[in-house]
Amino acid sequence: MKKYVVILVVISLCLVVLGAYGLSKSRTHQLFGEIVSRVETEKKMIALTFDDGPGDNTQDLIEVLDQLDIPATFYLIGSEIQSNQEFGKALVEAGHEIGNHSYSHERMVLTSLSTVEDEIEKTNQAIRNIGYEGNITFRPPYCKKLIILPYYLNQKDMTTVTWDIEPETDLGFQANAETYYQLVIDQASPGSIILFHGMRDSNEEVIASIRKIVADLQGQGYQFVTVSNLIASNE
């Protein structure tokens, strides 16, 4: 009998661990607070977002978004804002939304409350220091979160924002513009949140794909908006 009890305990522990692991990387669920991977709406609105940076290639993205006359939401790393304040200020001056992507871009799953607080508040302050005055949402590095992080965000009334379309992860960071474009067009729907990178590394294929994506989706009647405006549109 004891043997079966031990087996059941081991199985239960394994299920708990697997469940916690799945929850820690879920784009749609967390234990505390609001998490948004897309907005359920019939309005043809869509949000284009960029992670990491700011870095040397940020200006390229600013220029192409200006040419396309669309806003985007940039989830910036606090330490990189401090190292590249001119690029952060340029994003703000161009009218884009700035979000918090932590200070060090480390996974925050098994971390202390003080570490989470430091990661978030230092980055919020760095965002304010470049002149951004709007609402700040949070995107967890690698989409990792479990208990302490969502608990702290909920206490601070900060919304966790993930995504429902992720071309670079699905296709690889070396894919070409055409494949990025086709994946987005195939998956896009009203309320989608698209994730790209491209602020630090070479982004020629990303930029080329964005030009095609915007032209195609605008031709279908879509409007590109910031994440906060997308969320507000359904309130």
Protein backbone atom coordinates (compact mmCIF):
# COMPACT_ATOMS: atom_id res chain seq x y z
CA MET A 1 0.00 0.00 0.00
CA LYS A 2 2.83 2.40 0.92
CA LYS A 3 4.35 1.78 -2.48
CA TYR A 4 1.19 3.00 -4.22
CA VAL A 5 0.97 6.06 -1.97
CA VAL A 6 4.55 6.99 -2.85
CA ILE A 7 3.79 6.54 -6.55
CA LEU A 8 0.70 8.74 -6.27
CA VAL A 9 2.66 11.43 -4.42
CA VAL A 10 5.39 11.38 -7.06
CA ILE A 11 2.84 11.58 -9.88
CA SER A 12 1.03 14.44 -8.13
CA LEU A 13 4.27 16.37 -7.67
CA CYS A 14 5.16 15.86 -11.32
CA LEU A 15 1.75 17.15 -12.39
CA VAL A 16 2.15 20.21 -10.15
CA VAL A 17 5.61 20.92 -11.60
CA LEU A 18 4.36 20.49 -15.17
CA GLY A 19 1.36 22.69 -14.46
CA ALA A 20 3.54 25.40 -12.94
CA TYR A 21 5.92 25.23 -15.90
CA GLY A 22 3.05 25.58 -18.36
CA LEU A 23 1.58 28.50 -16.43
CA SER A 24 4.97 30.22 -16.19
CA LYS A 25 5.23 30.53 -19.98
CA SER A 26 1.56 30.95 -20.87
CA ARG A 27 0.71 33.93 -23.06
CA THR A 28 -2.90 33.95 -21.89
CA HIS A 29 -2.96 33.06 -18.18
CA GLN A 30 -1.30 34.16 -14.95
CA LEU A 31 -2.18 33.85 -11.26
CA PHE A 32 -2.73 37.56 -10.54
CA GLY A 33 -3.77 40.64 -12.47
CA GLU A 34 -4.63 41.30 -16.08
CA ILE A 35 -2.81 39.61 -18.96
CA VAL A 36 -3.52 40.51 -22.60
CA SER A 37 -2.28 38.48 -25.56
CA ARG A 38 -4.90 39.90 -27.91
CA VAL A 39 -8.11 41.89 -27.60
CA GLU A 40 -11.41 40.23 -28.42
CA THR A 41 -13.03 42.74 -30.74
CA GLU A 42 -14.77 42.99 -34.08
CA LYS A 43 -13.03 46.28 -34.81
CA LYS A 44 -10.27 45.97 -37.39
CA MET A 45 -7.55 47.23 -35.08
CA ILE A 46 -4.13 45.68 -34.60
CA ALA A 47 -1.03 46.51 -32.52
CA LEU A 48 2.55 46.27 -33.76
CA THR A 49 5.09 45.81 -30.94
CA PHE A 50 8.87 45.58 -30.70
CA ASP A 51 10.94 44.04 -27.90
CA ASP A 52 14.40 44.75 -26.46
CA GLY A 53 16.68 47.71 -27.03
CA PRO A 54 16.81 50.56 -27.65
CA GLY A 55 19.90 49.94 -29.73
CA ASP A 56 21.77 51.02 -32.83
CA ASN A 57 19.02 50.04 -35.27
CA THR A 58 16.20 51.80 -33.43
CA GLN A 59 16.35 54.81 -35.73
CA ASP A 60 15.69 52.58 -38.77
CA LEU A 61 12.39 51.47 -37.22
CA ILE A 62 11.45 55.02 -36.28
CA GLU A 63 11.97 56.15 -39.87
CA VAL A 64 9.97 53.37 -41.48
CA LEU A 65 7.08 53.78 -39.03
CA ASP A 66 7.12 57.51 -39.73
CA GLN A 67 6.97 56.84 -43.46
CA LEU A 68 4.06 54.45 -42.94
CA ASP A 69 2.42 56.94 -40.54
CA ILE A 70 1.60 54.33 -37.89
CA PRO A 71 2.31 54.12 -34.15
CA ALA A 72 3.87 51.13 -32.43
CA THR A 73 4.57 49.98 -28.89
CA PHE A 74 8.19 49.43 -27.86
CA TYR A 75 8.98 47.22 -24.85
CA LEU A 76 12.37 48.51 -23.71
CA ILE A 77 15.00 47.10 -21.36
CA GLY A 78 15.90 49.49 -18.54
CA SER A 79 19.67 48.99 -18.69
CA GLU A 80 19.64 49.57 -22.44
CA ILE A 81 17.57 52.74 -22.06
CA GLN A 82 20.26 54.09 -19.75
CA SER A 83 22.99 53.15 -22.26
CA ASN A 84 21.12 54.52 -25.29
CA GLN A 85 19.01 57.39 -24.01
CA GLU A 86 19.13 59.23 -27.33
CA PHE A 87 17.32 56.35 -29.06
CA GLY A 88 14.78 56.09 -26.25
CA LYS A 89 14.07 59.82 -26.45
CA ALA A 90 13.74 59.54 -30.23
CA LEU A 91 11.02 56.90 -29.81
CA VAL A 92 9.12 59.16 -27.41
CA GLU A 93 9.51 62.19 -29.66
CA ALA A 94 8.18 60.15 -32.59
CA GLY A 95 4.98 59.50 -30.61
CA HIS A 96 5.35 55.77 -29.93
CA GLU A 97 4.17 53.99 -26.80
CA ILE A 98 6.86 52.75 -24.41
CA GLY A 99 6.45 49.61 -22.30
CA ASN A 100 8.54 47.98 -19.56
CA HIS A 101 10.52 44.85 -20.52
CA SER A 102 12.44 44.62 -17.20
CA TYR A 103 15.80 46.14 -16.33
CA SER A 104 18.13 43.21 -17.06
CA HIS A 105 15.99 40.98 -19.34
CA GLU A 106 16.38 38.00 -17.01
CA ARG A 107 13.68 35.38 -16.50
CA MET A 108 11.63 36.25 -13.44
CA VAL A 109 10.07 33.01 -12.26
CA LEU A 110 11.91 31.94 -9.10
CA THR A 111 12.87 35.43 -7.96
CA SER A 112 12.28 37.45 -4.81
CA LEU A 113 9.82 40.27 -4.42
CA SER A 114 12.66 42.75 -3.95
CA THR A 115 14.27 41.63 -7.22
CA VAL A 116 11.00 41.97 -9.11
CA GLU A 117 10.42 45.41 -7.61
CA ASP A 118 13.93 46.53 -8.58
CA GLU A 119 13.58 45.23 -12.15
CA ILE A 120 10.27 46.98 -12.72
CA GLU A 121 10.73 50.25 -10.85
CA LYS A 122 14.21 51.00 -12.22
CA THR A 123 12.86 50.50 -15.73
CA ASN A 124 9.76 52.60 -15.09
CA GLN A 125 12.04 55.39 -13.88
CA ALA A 126 14.30 55.03 -16.94
CA ILE A 127 11.20 55.30 -19.14
CA ARG A 128 10.10 58.48 -17.36
CA ASN A 129 13.63 59.87 -17.67
CA ILE A 130 13.42 59.78 -21.49
CA GLY A 131 10.28 61.87 -21.37
CA TYR A 132 7.51 59.29 -21.73
CA GLU A 133 4.38 60.31 -19.81
CA GLY A 134 1.83 57.72 -20.94
CA ASN A 135 0.59 54.48 -19.44
CA ILE A 136 3.28 51.82 -18.94
CA THR A 137 2.37 48.17 -19.51
CA PHE A 138 4.75 45.26 -18.86
CA ARG A 139 6.02 42.47 -21.09
CA PRO A 140 7.85 39.68 -19.22
CA PRO A 141 11.21 38.63 -20.71
CA TYR A 142 10.79 35.31 -22.56
CA CYS A 143 7.12 35.47 -21.43
CA LYS A 144 8.23 33.93 -18.10
CA LYS A 145 6.17 34.66 -14.99
CA LEU A 146 4.63 32.62 -12.22
CA ILE A 147 3.74 34.00 -8.77
CA ILE A 148 5.81 36.94 -7.51
CA LEU A 149 5.98 38.86 -10.80
CA PRO A 150 2.24 38.88 -11.58
CA TYR A 151 1.51 39.52 -7.88
CA TYR A 152 3.68 42.65 -7.91
CA LEU A 153 2.28 43.87 -11.24
CA ASN A 154 -1.24 43.44 -9.90
CA GLN A 155 -0.35 45.47 -6.80
CA LYS A 156 0.94 48.25 -9.06
CA ASP A 157 -2.05 48.01 -11.43
CA MET A 158 0.25 47.22 -14.38
CA THR A 159 -1.13 45.10 -17.20
CA THR A 160 0.91 42.18 -18.54
CA VAL A 161 1.00 42.25 -22.33
CA THR A 162 2.09 39.26 -24.41
CA TRP A 163 1.18 38.59 -28.07
CA ASP A 164 -0.62 36.23 -30.41
CA ILE A 165 1.63 36.56 -33.49
CA GLU A 166 5.40 36.02 -33.22
CA PRO A 167 7.05 35.66 -36.66
CA GLU A 168 10.70 35.58 -35.59
CA THR A 169 10.23 32.83 -33.01
CA ASP A 170 8.03 30.74 -35.28
CA LEU A 171 10.26 31.11 -38.34
CA GLY A 172 13.66 31.97 -36.86
CA PHE A 173 15.52 35.25 -36.69
CA GLN A 174 17.21 34.62 -40.04
CA ALA A 175 14.01 34.17 -42.05
CA ASN A 176 13.29 36.45 -44.99
CA ALA A 177 10.77 39.25 -45.30
CA GLU A 178 8.37 37.28 -47.45
CA THR A 179 7.95 34.46 -44.93
CA TYR A 180 7.50 36.93 -42.04
CA TYR A 181 4.91 38.80 -44.07
CA GLN A 182 3.00 35.67 -45.06
CA LEU A 183 2.85 34.32 -41.50
CA VAL A 184 1.44 37.60 -40.16
CA ILE A 185 -1.14 37.89 -42.93
CA ASP A 186 -2.24 34.30 -42.36
CA GLN A 187 -2.63 34.76 -38.59
CA ALA A 188 -3.79 38.37 -38.22
CA SER A 189 -7.30 39.08 -37.01
CA PRO A 190 -9.06 42.00 -35.26
CA GLY A 191 -7.37 42.63 -31.91
CA SER A 192 -4.08 40.88 -32.70
CA ILE A 193 -0.79 41.90 -31.09
CA ILE A 194 2.27 41.30 -33.27
CA LEU A 195 5.75 40.85 -31.78
CA PHE A 196 8.94 41.78 -33.66
CA HIS A 197 12.45 42.71 -32.53
CA GLY A 198 15.03 44.56 -34.65
CA MET A 199 16.20 47.45 -32.46
CA ARG A 200 19.64 45.98 -31.76
CA ASP A 201 20.43 43.54 -34.56
CA SER A 202 20.24 43.83 -38.35
CA ASN A 203 16.60 44.41 -39.23
CA GLU A 204 16.44 44.74 -43.02
CA GLU A 205 14.16 41.71 -43.40
CA VAL A 206 11.95 42.85 -40.51
CA ILE A 207 11.57 46.32 -42.01
CA ALA A 208 10.84 44.95 -45.48
CA SER A 209 8.20 42.63 -44.04
CA ILE A 210 6.60 45.45 -42.02
CA ARG A 211 6.17 47.54 -45.15
CA LYS A 212 4.28 44.68 -46.83
CA ILE A 213 2.31 43.77 -43.70
CA VAL A 214 1.08 47.33 -43.17
CA ALA A 215 0.17 47.84 -46.81
CA ASP A 216 -1.74 44.55 -46.96
CA LEU A 217 -3.60 44.92 -43.66
CA GLN A 218 -4.47 48.56 -44.28
CA GLY A 219 -5.81 47.45 -47.64
CA GLN A 220 -8.07 45.07 -45.72
CA GLY A 221 -9.32 47.96 -43.60
CA TYR A 222 -7.12 47.50 -40.52
CA GLN A 223 -5.96 50.40 -38.36
CA PHE A 224 -2.62 50.16 -36.54
CA VAL A 225 -2.78 51.39 -32.92
CA THR A 226 -0.73 51.23 -29.74
CA VAL A 227 -1.32 48.43 -27.24
CA SER A 228 -3.00 50.79 -24.75
CA ASN A 229 -5.32 52.13 -27.42
CA LEU A 230 -6.14 48.60 -28.55
CA ILE A 231 -7.04 47.60 -24.98
CA ALA A 232 -9.04 50.80 -24.43
CA SER A 233 -11.01 50.24 -27.64
CA ASN A 234 -12.75 47.28 -26.01
CA GLU A 235 -13.51 48.84 -22.64
